[in-house]
Full PDB file with SEQRES, HELIX, SHEET, SSBOND, CRYST1, ORIGX, SCALE, CONECT and MASTER records, all heavy atoms in Angstrom:
SEQRES   1 A   32  GLY THR LEU ARG SER ARG GLY ILE ALA PRO GLY ASP ARG          
SEQRES   2 A   32  VAL GLY LEU VAL LEU PRO ASN VAL PRO ALA PHE PRO ILE          
SEQRES   3 A   32  LEU PHE TYR GLY ALA LEU                                      
HELIX    1 AA1 THR A    2  SER A    5  1                                   4    
HELIX    2 AA2 ALA A   23  ALA A   31  1                                   9    
CRYST1    1.000    1.000    1.000  90.00  90.00  90.00 P 1           1          
ORIGX1      1.000000  0.000000  0.000000        0.00000                         
ORIGX2      0.000000  1.000000  0.000000        0.00000                         
ORIGX3      0.000000  0.000000  1.000000        0.00000                         
SCALE1      1.000000  0.000000  0.000000        0.00000                         
SCALE2      0.000000  1.000000  0.000000        0.00000                         
SCALE3      0.000000  0.000000  1.000000        0.00000                         
ATOM      1  N   GLY A   1     138.884-117.312-154.597  1.00  0.00           N  
ATOM      2  CA  GLY A   1     137.853-117.227-155.630  1.00  0.00           C  
ATOM      3  C   GLY A   1     136.573-117.920-155.210  1.00  0.00           C  
ATOM      4  O   GLY A   1     135.464-117.434-155.491  1.00  0.00           O  
ATOM      5  N   THR A   2     136.721-119.049-154.519  1.00  0.00           N  
ATOM      6  CA  THR A   2     135.554-119.784-154.032  1.00  0.00           C  
ATOM      7  C   THR A   2     134.790-118.964-152.998  1.00  0.00           C  
ATOM      8  O   THR A   2     133.547-118.904-153.023  1.00  0.00           O  
ATOM      9  CB  THR A   2     135.993-121.129-153.421  1.00  0.00           C  
ATOM     10  OG1 THR A   2     136.681-121.890-154.422  1.00  0.00           O  
ATOM     11  CG2 THR A   2     134.810-121.911-152.892  1.00  0.00           C  
ATOM     12  N   LEU A   3     135.517-118.325-152.089  1.00  0.00           N  
ATOM     13  CA  LEU A   3     134.866-117.499-151.074  1.00  0.00           C  
ATOM     14  C   LEU A   3     134.090-116.350-151.721  1.00  0.00           C  
ATOM     15  O   LEU A   3     132.959-116.040-151.326  1.00  0.00           O  
ATOM     16  CB  LEU A   3     135.902-116.955-150.085  1.00  0.00           C  
ATOM     17  CG  LEU A   3     136.564-117.992-149.172  1.00  0.00           C  
ATOM     18  CD1 LEU A   3     137.654-117.351-148.329  1.00  0.00           C  
ATOM     19  CD2 LEU A   3     135.532-118.666-148.273  1.00  0.00           C  
ATOM     20  N   ARG A   4     134.701-115.719-152.708  1.00  0.00           N  
ATOM     21  CA  ARG A   4     134.002-114.624-153.398  1.00  0.00           C  
ATOM     22  C   ARG A   4     132.743-115.140-154.074  1.00  0.00           C  
ATOM     23  O   ARG A   4     131.680-114.499-154.001  1.00  0.00           O  
ATOM     24  CB  ARG A   4     134.920-113.968-154.420  1.00  0.00           C  
ATOM     25  CG  ARG A   4     134.223-112.882-155.231  1.00  0.00           C  
ATOM     26  CD  ARG A   4     135.168-112.229-156.218  1.00  0.00           C  
ATOM     27  NE  ARG A   4     136.111-111.339-155.555  1.00  0.00           N  
ATOM     28  CZ  ARG A   4     137.097-110.705-156.195  1.00  0.00           C  
ATOM     29  NH1 ARG A   4     137.276-110.882-157.501  1.00  0.00           N  
ATOM     30  NH2 ARG A   4     137.923-109.915-155.529  1.00  0.00           N  
ATOM     31  N   SER A   5     132.840-116.310-154.722  1.00  0.00           N  
ATOM     32  CA  SER A   5     131.677-116.855-155.422  1.00  0.00           C  
ATOM     33  C   SER A   5     130.558-117.226-154.453  1.00  0.00           C  
ATOM     34  O   SER A   5     129.391-117.313-154.847  1.00  0.00           O  
ATOM     35  CB  SER A   5     132.083-118.077-156.248  1.00  0.00           C  
ATOM     36  OG  SER A   5     132.344-119.199-155.416  1.00  0.00           O  
ATOM     37  N   ARG A   6     130.911-117.443-153.189  1.00  0.00           N  
ATOM     38  CA  ARG A   6     129.910-117.775-152.173  1.00  0.00           C  
ATOM     39  C   ARG A   6     129.449-116.552-151.396  1.00  0.00           C  
ATOM     40  O   ARG A   6     128.816-116.671-150.343  1.00  0.00           O  
ATOM     41  CB  ARG A   6     130.466-118.832-151.218  1.00  0.00           C  
ATOM     42  CG  ARG A   6     130.692-120.179-151.905  1.00  0.00           C  
ATOM     43  CD  ARG A   6     131.185-121.238-150.954  1.00  0.00           C  
ATOM     44  NE  ARG A   6     131.362-122.524-151.632  1.00  0.00           N  
ATOM     45  CZ  ARG A   6     131.804-123.619-151.048  1.00  0.00           C  
ATOM     46  NH1 ARG A   6     132.124-123.605-149.758  1.00  0.00           N  
ATOM     47  NH2 ARG A   6     131.941-124.738-151.732  1.00  0.00           N  
ATOM     48  N   GLY A   7     129.816-115.380-151.883  1.00  0.00           N  
ATOM     49  CA  GLY A   7     129.299-114.148-151.303  1.00  0.00           C  
ATOM     50  C   GLY A   7     130.098-113.580-150.153  1.00  0.00           C  
ATOM     51  O   GLY A   7     129.638-112.652-149.480  1.00  0.00           O  
ATOM     52  N   ILE A   8     131.297-114.104-149.900  1.00  0.00           N  
ATOM     53  CA  ILE A   8     132.140-113.550-148.829  1.00  0.00           C  
ATOM     54  C   ILE A   8     132.740-112.235-149.312  1.00  0.00           C  
ATOM     55  O   ILE A   8     133.462-112.193-150.310  1.00  0.00           O  
ATOM     56  CB  ILE A   8     133.252-114.530-148.431  1.00  0.00           C  
ATOM     57  CG1 ILE A   8     132.660-115.867-147.989  1.00  0.00           C  
ATOM     58  CG2 ILE A   8     134.135-113.928-147.328  1.00  0.00           C  
ATOM     59  CD1 ILE A   8     131.755-115.796-146.787  1.00  0.00           C  
ATOM     60  N   ALA A   9     132.436-111.171-148.611  1.00  0.00           N  
ATOM     61  CA  ALA A   9     132.904-109.833-148.990  1.00  0.00           C  
ATOM     62  C   ALA A   9     134.072-109.419-148.104  1.00  0.00           C  
ATOM     63  O   ALA A   9     134.276-109.976-147.020  1.00  0.00           O  
ATOM     64  CB  ALA A   9     131.763-108.833-148.853  1.00  0.00           C  
ATOM     65  N   PRO A  10     134.883-108.429-148.546  1.00  0.00           N  
ATOM     66  CA  PRO A  10     135.961-107.917-147.701  1.00  0.00           C  
ATOM     67  C   PRO A  10     135.436-107.509-146.330  1.00  0.00           C  
ATOM     68  O   PRO A  10     134.406-106.831-146.227  1.00  0.00           O  
ATOM     69  CB  PRO A  10     136.486-106.726-148.495  1.00  0.00           C  
ATOM     70  CG  PRO A  10     136.205-107.080-149.915  1.00  0.00           C  
ATOM     71  CD  PRO A  10     134.879-107.792-149.877  1.00  0.00           C  
ATOM     72  N   GLY A  11     136.140-107.954-145.297  1.00  0.00           N  
ATOM     73  CA  GLY A  11     135.731-107.649-143.933  1.00  0.00           C  
ATOM     74  C   GLY A  11     134.879-108.713-143.280  1.00  0.00           C  
ATOM     75  O   GLY A  11     134.732-108.733-142.054  1.00  0.00           O  
ATOM     76  N   ASP A  12     134.278-109.617-144.094  1.00  0.00           N  
ATOM     77  CA  ASP A  12     133.512-110.719-143.510  1.00  0.00           C  
ATOM     78  C   ASP A  12     134.444-111.646-142.738  1.00  0.00           C  
ATOM     79  O   ASP A  12     135.626-111.770-143.057  1.00  0.00           O  
ATOM     80  CB  ASP A  12     132.808-111.527-144.603  1.00  0.00           C  
ATOM     81  CG  ASP A  12     131.588-110.806-145.168  1.00  0.00           C  
ATOM     82  OD1 ASP A  12     131.204-109.769-144.607  1.00  0.00           O  
ATOM     83  OD2 ASP A  12     131.042-111.294-146.182  1.00  0.00           O  
ATOM     84  N   ARG A  13     133.897-112.318-141.725  1.00  0.00           N  
ATOM     85  CA  ARG A  13     134.706-113.212-140.904  1.00  0.00           C  
ATOM     86  C   ARG A  13     134.587-114.653-141.396  1.00  0.00           C  
ATOM     87  O   ARG A  13     133.483-115.141-141.648  1.00  0.00           O  
ATOM     88  CB  ARG A  13     134.286-113.151-139.435  1.00  0.00           C  
ATOM     89  CG  ARG A  13     134.933-112.012-138.649  1.00  0.00           C  
ATOM     90  CD  ARG A  13     134.362-110.667-139.003  1.00  0.00           C  
ATOM     91  NE  ARG A  13     132.956-110.592-138.668  1.00  0.00           N  
ATOM     92  CZ  ARG A  13     132.089-109.763-139.252  1.00  0.00           C  
ATOM     93  NH1 ARG A  13     132.494-108.945-140.226  1.00  0.00           N  
ATOM     94  NH2 ARG A  13     130.808-109.744-138.904  1.00  0.00           N  
ATOM     95  N   VAL A  14     135.744-115.300-141.528  1.00  0.00           N  
ATOM     96  CA  VAL A  14     135.810-116.699-141.941  1.00  0.00           C  
ATOM     97  C   VAL A  14     136.552-117.477-140.862  1.00  0.00           C  
ATOM     98  O   VAL A  14     137.655-117.091-140.457  1.00  0.00           O  
ATOM     99  CB  VAL A  14     136.533-116.851-143.298  1.00  0.00           C  
ATOM    100  CG1 VAL A  14     136.783-118.318-143.623  1.00  0.00           C  
ATOM    101  CG2 VAL A  14     135.725-116.186-144.407  1.00  0.00           C  
ATOM    102  N   GLY A  15     135.964-118.568-140.382  1.00  0.00           N  
ATOM    103  CA  GLY A  15     136.555-119.331-139.287  1.00  0.00           C  
ATOM    104  C   GLY A  15     137.374-120.509-139.765  1.00  0.00           C  
ATOM    105  O   GLY A  15     137.089-121.112-140.804  1.00  0.00           O  
ATOM    106  N   LEU A  16     138.415-120.837-139.001  1.00  0.00           N  
ATOM    107  CA  LEU A  16     139.237-122.017-139.248  1.00  0.00           C  
ATOM    108  C   LEU A  16     139.320-122.828-137.963  1.00  0.00           C  
ATOM    109  O   LEU A  16     139.756-122.313-136.935  1.00  0.00           O  
ATOM    110  CB  LEU A  16     140.661-121.633-139.676  1.00  0.00           C  
ATOM    111  CG  LEU A  16     140.867-120.737-140.902  1.00  0.00           C  
ATOM    112  CD1 LEU A  16     142.366-120.580-141.173  1.00  0.00           C  
ATOM    113  CD2 LEU A  16     140.164-121.309-142.111  1.00  0.00           C  
ATOM    114  N   VAL A  17     138.901-124.098-138.034  1.00  0.00           N  
ATOM    115  CA  VAL A  17     139.007-124.992-136.881  1.00  0.00           C  
ATOM    116  C   VAL A  17     139.838-126.179-137.337  1.00  0.00           C  
ATOM    117  O   VAL A  17     139.325-127.240-137.670  1.00  0.00           O  
ATOM    118  CB  VAL A  17     137.620-125.440-136.382  1.00  0.00           C  
ATOM    119  CG1 VAL A  17     137.746-126.172-135.037  1.00  0.00           C  
ATOM    120  CG2 VAL A  17     136.684-124.245-136.228  1.00  0.00           C  
ATOM    121  N   LEU A  18     141.158-125.968-137.387  1.00  0.00           N  
ATOM    122  CA  LEU A  18     142.062-126.981-137.924  1.00  0.00           C  
ATOM    123  C   LEU A  18     143.345-127.068-137.110  1.00  0.00           C  
ATOM    124  O   LEU A  18     143.792-126.065-136.545  1.00  0.00           O  
ATOM    125  CB  LEU A  18     142.450-126.654-139.373  1.00  0.00           C  
ATOM    126  CG  LEU A  18     141.358-126.594-140.423  1.00  0.00           C  
ATOM    127  CD1 LEU A  18     141.020-125.137-140.717  1.00  0.00           C  
ATOM    128  CD2 LEU A  18     141.809-127.269-141.703  1.00  0.00           C  
ATOM    129  N   PRO A  19     143.963-128.250-137.097  1.00  0.00           N  
ATOM    130  CA  PRO A  19     145.294-128.393-136.494  1.00  0.00           C  
ATOM    131  C   PRO A  19     146.364-127.953-137.492  1.00  0.00           C  
ATOM    132  O   PRO A  19     146.044-127.354-138.538  1.00  0.00           O  
ATOM    133  CB  PRO A  19     145.383-129.895-136.207  1.00  0.00           C  
ATOM    134  CG  PRO A  19     144.580-130.514-137.308  1.00  0.00           C  
ATOM    135  CD  PRO A  19     143.456-129.542-137.607  1.00  0.00           C  
ATOM    136  N   ASN A  20     147.614-128.269-137.199  1.00  0.00           N  
ATOM    137  CA  ASN A  20     148.716-127.889-138.090  1.00  0.00           C  
ATOM    138  C   ASN A  20     148.821-128.857-139.261  1.00  0.00           C  
ATOM    139  O   ASN A  20     149.604-129.797-139.251  1.00  0.00           O  
ATOM    140  CB  ASN A  20     150.044-127.870-137.313  1.00  0.00           C  
ATOM    141  CG  ASN A  20     150.136-126.692-136.376  1.00  0.00           C  
ATOM    142  OD1 ASN A  20     149.142-126.035-136.100  1.00  0.00           O  
ATOM    143  ND2 ASN A  20     151.327-126.422-135.881  1.00  0.00           N  
ATOM    144  N   VAL A  21     148.011-128.617-140.257  1.00  0.00           N  
ATOM    145  CA  VAL A  21     148.008-129.396-141.492  1.00  0.00           C  
ATOM    146  C   VAL A  21     148.049-128.415-142.658  1.00  0.00           C  
ATOM    147  O   VAL A  21     147.731-127.229-142.485  1.00  0.00           O  
ATOM    148  CB  VAL A  21     146.760-130.302-141.587  1.00  0.00           C  
ATOM    149  CG1 VAL A  21     146.815-131.403-140.525  1.00  0.00           C  
ATOM    150  CG2 VAL A  21     145.471-129.488-141.454  1.00  0.00           C  
ATOM    151  N   PRO A  22     148.448-128.852-143.870  1.00  0.00           N  
ATOM    152  CA  PRO A  22     148.567-127.922-144.995  1.00  0.00           C  
ATOM    153  C   PRO A  22     147.296-127.140-145.309  1.00  0.00           C  
ATOM    154  O   PRO A  22     147.361-126.017-145.826  1.00  0.00           O  
ATOM    155  CB  PRO A  22     148.941-128.848-146.158  1.00  0.00           C  
ATOM    156  CG  PRO A  22     149.700-129.957-145.508  1.00  0.00           C  
ATOM    157  CD  PRO A  22     148.990-130.192-144.200  1.00  0.00           C  
ATOM    158  N   ALA A  23     146.130-127.698-144.987  1.00  0.00           N  
ATOM    159  CA  ALA A  23     144.884-126.978-145.238  1.00  0.00           C  
ATOM    160  C   ALA A  23     144.849-125.643-144.499  1.00  0.00           C  
ATOM    161  O   ALA A  23     144.229-124.684-144.978  1.00  0.00           O  
ATOM    162  CB  ALA A  23     143.689-127.837-144.828  1.00  0.00           C  
ATOM    163  N   PHE A  24     145.502-125.564-143.338  1.00  0.00           N  
ATOM    164  CA  PHE A  24     145.448-124.321-142.564  1.00  0.00           C  
ATOM    165  C   PHE A  24     146.059-123.150-143.337  1.00  0.00           C  
ATOM    166  O   PHE A  24     145.374-122.136-143.554  1.00  0.00           O  
ATOM    167  CB  PHE A  24     146.114-124.482-141.186  1.00  0.00           C  
ATOM    168  CG  PHE A  24     145.888-123.302-140.276  1.00  0.00           C  
ATOM    169  CD1 PHE A  24     145.007-123.393-139.201  1.00  0.00           C  
ATOM    170  CD2 PHE A  24     146.536-122.088-140.487  1.00  0.00           C  
ATOM    171  CE1 PHE A  24     144.788-122.306-138.364  1.00  0.00           C  
ATOM    172  CE2 PHE A  24     146.329-120.994-139.655  1.00  0.00           C  
ATOM    173  CZ  PHE A  24     145.451-121.098-138.603  1.00  0.00           C  
ATOM    174  N   PRO A  25     147.335-123.209-143.753  1.00  0.00           N  
ATOM    175  CA  PRO A  25     147.879-122.067-144.498  1.00  0.00           C  
ATOM    176  C   PRO A  25     147.153-121.802-145.813  1.00  0.00           C  
ATOM    177  O   PRO A  25     147.022-120.641-146.223  1.00  0.00           O  
ATOM    178  CB  PRO A  25     149.342-122.439-144.727  1.00  0.00           C  
ATOM    179  CG  PRO A  25     149.461-123.883-144.421  1.00  0.00           C  
ATOM    180  CD  PRO A  25     148.373-124.215-143.471  1.00  0.00           C  
ATOM    181  N   ILE A  26     146.658-122.855-146.467  1.00  0.00           N  
ATOM    182  CA  ILE A  26     145.913-122.651-147.711  1.00  0.00           C  
ATOM    183  C   ILE A  26     144.658-121.825-147.460  1.00  0.00           C  
ATOM    184  O   ILE A  26     144.382-120.835-148.151  1.00  0.00           O  
ATOM    185  CB  ILE A  26     145.549-124.016-148.338  1.00  0.00           C  
ATOM    186  CG1 ILE A  26     146.798-124.722-148.866  1.00  0.00           C  
ATOM    187  CG2 ILE A  26     144.531-123.840-149.457  1.00  0.00           C  
ATOM    188  CD1 ILE A  26     146.553-126.163-149.292  1.00  0.00           C  
ATOM    189  N   LEU A  27     143.883-122.216-146.450  1.00  0.00           N  
ATOM    190  CA  LEU A  27     142.640-121.512-146.136  1.00  0.00           C  
ATOM    191  C   LEU A  27     142.901-120.143-145.524  1.00  0.00           C  
ATOM    192  O   LEU A  27     142.183-119.176-145.801  1.00  0.00           O  
ATOM    193  CB  LEU A  27     141.793-122.369-145.190  1.00  0.00           C  
ATOM    194  CG  LEU A  27     141.313-123.711-145.757  1.00  0.00           C  
ATOM    195  CD1 LEU A  27     140.695-124.557-144.655  1.00  0.00           C  
ATOM    196  CD2 LEU A  27     140.330-123.499-146.898  1.00  0.00           C  
ATOM    197  N   PHE A  28     143.925-120.048-144.679  1.00  0.00           N  
ATOM    198  CA  PHE A  28     144.262-118.778-144.038  1.00  0.00           C  
ATOM    199  C   PHE A  28     144.597-117.722-145.082  1.00  0.00           C  
ATOM    200  O   PHE A  28     143.993-116.631-145.108  1.00  0.00           O  
ATOM    201  CB  PHE A  28     145.441-118.983-143.076  1.00  0.00           C  
ATOM    202  CG  PHE A  28     145.904-117.728-142.393  1.00  0.00           C  
ATOM    203  CD1 PHE A  28     145.207-117.201-141.323  1.00  0.00           C  
ATOM    204  CD2 PHE A  28     147.054-117.064-142.820  1.00  0.00           C  
ATOM    205  CE1 PHE A  28     145.631-116.035-140.682  1.00  0.00           C  
ATOM    206  CE2 PHE A  28     147.491-115.910-142.191  1.00  0.00           C  
ATOM    207  CZ  PHE A  28     146.774-115.390-141.125  1.00  0.00           C  
ATOM    208  N   TYR A  29     145.538-118.036-145.967  1.00  0.00           N  
ATOM    209  CA  TYR A  29     145.921-117.050-146.970  1.00  0.00           C  
ATOM    210  C   TYR A  29     144.854-116.889-148.043  1.00  0.00           C  
ATOM    211  O   TYR A  29     144.712-115.812-148.643  1.00  0.00           O  
ATOM    212  CB  TYR A  29     147.288-117.407-147.573  1.00  0.00           C  
ATOM    213  CG  TYR A  29     148.415-116.932-146.700  1.00  0.00           C  
ATOM    214  CD1 TYR A  29     149.096-117.815-145.868  1.00  0.00           C  
ATOM    215  CD2 TYR A  29     148.777-115.590-146.667  1.00  0.00           C  
ATOM    216  CE1 TYR A  29     150.110-117.377-145.030  1.00  0.00           C  
ATOM    217  CE2 TYR A  29     149.783-115.137-145.843  1.00  0.00           C  
ATOM    218  CZ  TYR A  29     150.453-116.030-145.021  1.00  0.00           C  
ATOM    219  OH  TYR A  29     151.458-115.586-144.190  1.00  0.00           O  
ATOM    220  N   GLY A  30     144.054-117.940-148.268  1.00  0.00           N  
ATOM    221  CA  GLY A  30     142.943-117.797-149.198  1.00  0.00           C  
ATOM    222  C   GLY A  30     141.923-116.779-148.707  1.00  0.00           C  
ATOM    223  O   GLY A  30     141.449-115.926-149.465  1.00  0.00           O  
ATOM    224  N   ALA A  31     141.589-116.862-147.418  1.00  0.00           N  
ATOM    225  CA  ALA A  31     140.640-115.908-146.847  1.00  0.00           C  
ATOM    226  C   ALA A  31     141.206-114.489-146.891  1.00  0.00           C  
ATOM    227  O   ALA A  31     140.495-113.521-147.206  1.00  0.00           O  
ATOM    228  CB  ALA A  31     140.307-116.305-145.406  1.00  0.00           C  
ATOM    229  N   LEU A  32     142.502-114.337-146.592  1.00  0.00           N  
ATOM    230  CA  LEU A  32     143.121-113.010-146.641  1.00  0.00           C  
ATOM    231  C   LEU A  32     143.134-112.457-148.063  1.00  0.00           C  
ATOM    232  O   LEU A  32     142.875-111.260-148.275  1.00  0.00           O  
ATOM    233  CB  LEU A  32     144.546-113.071-146.092  1.00  0.00           C  
ATOM    234  CG  LEU A  32     144.708-113.341-144.598  1.00  0.00           C  
ATOM    235  CD1 LEU A  32     146.186-113.432-144.241  1.00  0.00           C  
ATOM    236  CD2 LEU A  32     144.029-112.267-143.761  1.00  0.00           C  
TER     237      LEU A  32                                                      
MASTER        0    0    0    2    0    0    0    6  236    1    0    3          
END                                                                             
């Protein structure tokens, strides 16, 4: 929901620069 509110549209690229921490799966599946 946050990504949509910031103008991220389907197909836009979102980057993750994280190690193996809970934020990774949260952000990964959030972007998907």
